[in-house]
Amino acid sequence: MKKLSVLLFCCLLLAACGNGKTDGSNAAEAHQSHKPSLDAKVEVNGHDVKVTVTTDMTISKNHYGQARQDGEGHIHMYLDGGEKMGVKAPEHVIPNVPTGHHSLKVSLHNNDHTPYDVTKTYEFEVK
C-alpha cells in the first residue's frame, strides 16, 4: 500500500510540473504577439504563374535572413512540393510552369526563416 501511495504521489508531482500552458501554444509562439493573415491570388498567363500575396505582415526584403522582428518577414513558396522559393515581395512570378495540374504551398516566415505557422495551399491548372 505504501508503494502505491508513493507511486501516486510521484505521478501527481510530475503532472503538476507542466509548463502551465493550456492553450496549446509553444515556445516559438511565445515570441510572437500576433499571427499574420494570409491570402493569395494565383493567375496563370501561358506558362508563367503570377502569385500575389495579401497579408498584414510586413514583407521585408532588407531584413531577409536577419533577426526576428514581430510582424515582419517573408514568404516561402513550394510548387508541387519542390524546392523552397524565398520570396521577398508581395508579387512573385514563377516562370515556365509545365502544362498540367499544380499545387502551390504558400507560408509566412519570420526574417530568420522560423515559421509563423500560417500556410495555405492553392491548386491551379496550366493549359
Protein backbone atom coordinates (compact mmCIF):
# COMPACT_ATOMS: atom_id res chain seq x y z
CA MET A 1 0.00 0.00 0.00
CA LYS A 2 2.87 2.35 0.83
CA LYS A 3 4.45 1.74 -2.62
CA LEU A 4 1.15 2.57 -4.31
CA SER A 5 0.89 5.81 -2.33
CA VAL A 6 4.44 6.80 -3.28
CA LEU A 7 3.75 5.99 -6.93
CA LEU A 8 0.54 8.03 -6.89
CA PHE A 9 2.34 10.93 -5.24
CA CYS A 10 5.10 10.86 -7.89
CA CYS A 11 2.54 10.84 -10.71
CA LEU A 12 0.73 13.83 -9.21
CA LEU A 13 4.02 15.66 -8.73
CA LEU A 14 5.03 15.10 -12.36
CA ALA A 15 1.64 16.24 -13.60
CA ALA A 16 1.98 19.45 -11.56
CA CYS A 17 5.37 20.21 -13.16
CA GLY A 18 3.88 21.02 -16.57
CA ASN A 19 4.56 24.34 -18.27
CA GLY A 20 1.24 25.77 -17.17
CA LYS A 21 0.08 26.40 -20.72
CA THR A 22 -3.31 25.05 -21.56
CA ASP A 23 -3.85 26.81 -24.85
CA GLY A 24 -1.55 24.58 -26.91
CA SER A 25 0.98 27.33 -27.57
CA ASN A 26 4.67 26.56 -27.86
CA ALA A 27 7.90 28.45 -27.23
CA ALA A 28 8.08 29.87 -30.76
CA GLU A 29 4.59 31.34 -30.42
CA ALA A 30 5.57 32.97 -27.13
CA HIS A 31 7.87 35.30 -29.09
CA GLN A 32 5.04 36.40 -31.37
CA SER A 33 2.25 38.65 -30.27
CA HIS A 34 0.27 38.26 -33.50
CA LYS A 35 -0.26 35.65 -36.20
CA PRO A 36 -0.40 37.36 -39.59
CA SER A 37 -3.21 36.89 -42.08
CA LEU A 38 -2.59 35.23 -45.46
CA ASP A 39 -4.39 35.11 -48.77
CA ALA A 40 -3.05 34.77 -52.29
CA LYS A 41 -4.28 35.20 -55.83
CA VAL A 42 -2.82 32.80 -58.43
CA GLU A 43 -3.02 33.94 -62.08
CA VAL A 44 -1.89 31.73 -64.98
CA ASN A 45 -0.62 33.51 -68.11
CA GLY A 46 0.59 30.91 -70.58
CA HIS A 47 3.27 29.00 -68.67
CA ASP A 48 4.01 31.81 -66.21
CA VAL A 49 2.20 31.89 -62.87
CA LYS A 50 1.85 35.20 -61.03
CA VAL A 51 1.23 34.91 -57.29
CA THR A 52 0.01 37.98 -55.40
CA VAL A 53 0.09 37.60 -51.62
CA THR A 54 -2.08 39.68 -49.30
CA THR A 55 -1.03 39.76 -45.65
CA ASP A 56 -0.92 42.15 -42.71
CA MET A 57 2.68 41.05 -42.10
CA THR A 58 5.34 43.50 -43.31
CA ILE A 59 7.27 41.77 -46.09
CA SER A 60 10.88 42.86 -45.63
CA LYS A 61 13.44 42.37 -48.38
CA ASN A 62 16.06 44.24 -46.34
CA HIS A 63 15.79 42.02 -43.23
CA TYR A 64 15.61 38.65 -45.06
CA GLY A 65 17.67 36.10 -43.08
CA GLN A 66 18.27 38.51 -40.20
CA ALA A 67 16.93 38.72 -36.65
CA ARG A 68 13.27 38.13 -35.95
CA GLN A 69 11.02 41.19 -35.66
CA ASP A 70 7.41 40.60 -34.68
CA GLY A 71 5.03 41.19 -37.59
CA GLU A 72 7.78 41.22 -40.22
CA GLY A 73 9.20 38.54 -42.51
CA HIS A 74 8.99 36.96 -45.92
CA ILE A 75 7.19 34.24 -47.88
CA HIS A 76 8.16 30.68 -48.71
CA MET A 77 6.54 29.05 -51.77
CA TYR A 78 6.72 25.42 -52.83
CA LEU A 79 5.48 24.39 -56.29
CA ASP A 80 4.30 20.76 -56.31
CA GLY A 81 6.25 20.01 -53.13
CA GLY A 82 9.52 21.08 -54.77
CA GLU A 83 12.33 23.28 -53.54
CA LYS A 84 11.64 26.32 -51.38
CA MET A 85 11.39 29.68 -53.10
CA GLY A 86 12.21 32.51 -50.68
CA VAL A 87 10.02 35.41 -51.74
CA LYS A 88 10.72 38.96 -50.54
CA ALA A 89 7.86 40.85 -52.24
CA PRO A 90 4.05 40.51 -52.32
CA GLU A 91 4.14 39.62 -56.04
CA HIS A 92 6.15 36.77 -57.50
CA VAL A 93 6.18 35.20 -60.98
CA ILE A 94 7.04 31.53 -61.37
CA PRO A 95 8.21 31.12 -64.99
CA ASN A 96 7.97 28.11 -67.29
CA VAL A 97 5.47 26.04 -65.28
CA PRO A 98 4.71 22.84 -67.23
CA THR A 99 1.26 22.01 -68.56
CA GLY A 100 -0.97 20.23 -66.05
CA HIS A 101 -2.46 20.43 -62.58
CA HIS A 102 -0.31 22.04 -59.89
CA SER A 103 -0.28 22.74 -56.19
CA LEU A 104 1.36 25.81 -54.64
CA LYS A 105 2.03 25.96 -50.91
CA VAL A 106 2.45 29.49 -49.55
CA SER A 107 3.70 30.09 -45.99
CA LEU A 108 4.72 33.10 -43.93
CA HIS A 109 8.06 33.15 -42.12
CA ASN A 110 9.94 35.41 -39.76
CA ASN A 111 13.07 37.19 -41.01
CA ASP A 112 15.16 34.33 -39.53
CA HIS A 113 13.11 31.75 -41.51
CA THR A 114 11.23 30.38 -38.49
CA PRO A 115 7.58 29.83 -39.43
CA TYR A 116 4.63 31.91 -38.30
CA ASP A 117 2.63 28.66 -38.77
CA VAL A 118 0.43 30.40 -41.34
CA THR A 119 0.18 28.31 -44.52
CA LYS A 120 -2.29 27.90 -47.37
CA THR A 121 -2.22 25.68 -50.45
CA TYR A 122 -3.63 26.71 -53.82
CA GLU A 123 -4.49 24.43 -56.75
CA PHE A 124 -4.32 25.62 -60.37
CA GLU A 125 -4.10 24.37 -63.95
CA VAL A 126 -1.67 25.33 -66.72
CA LYS A 127 -3.14 24.52 -70.15
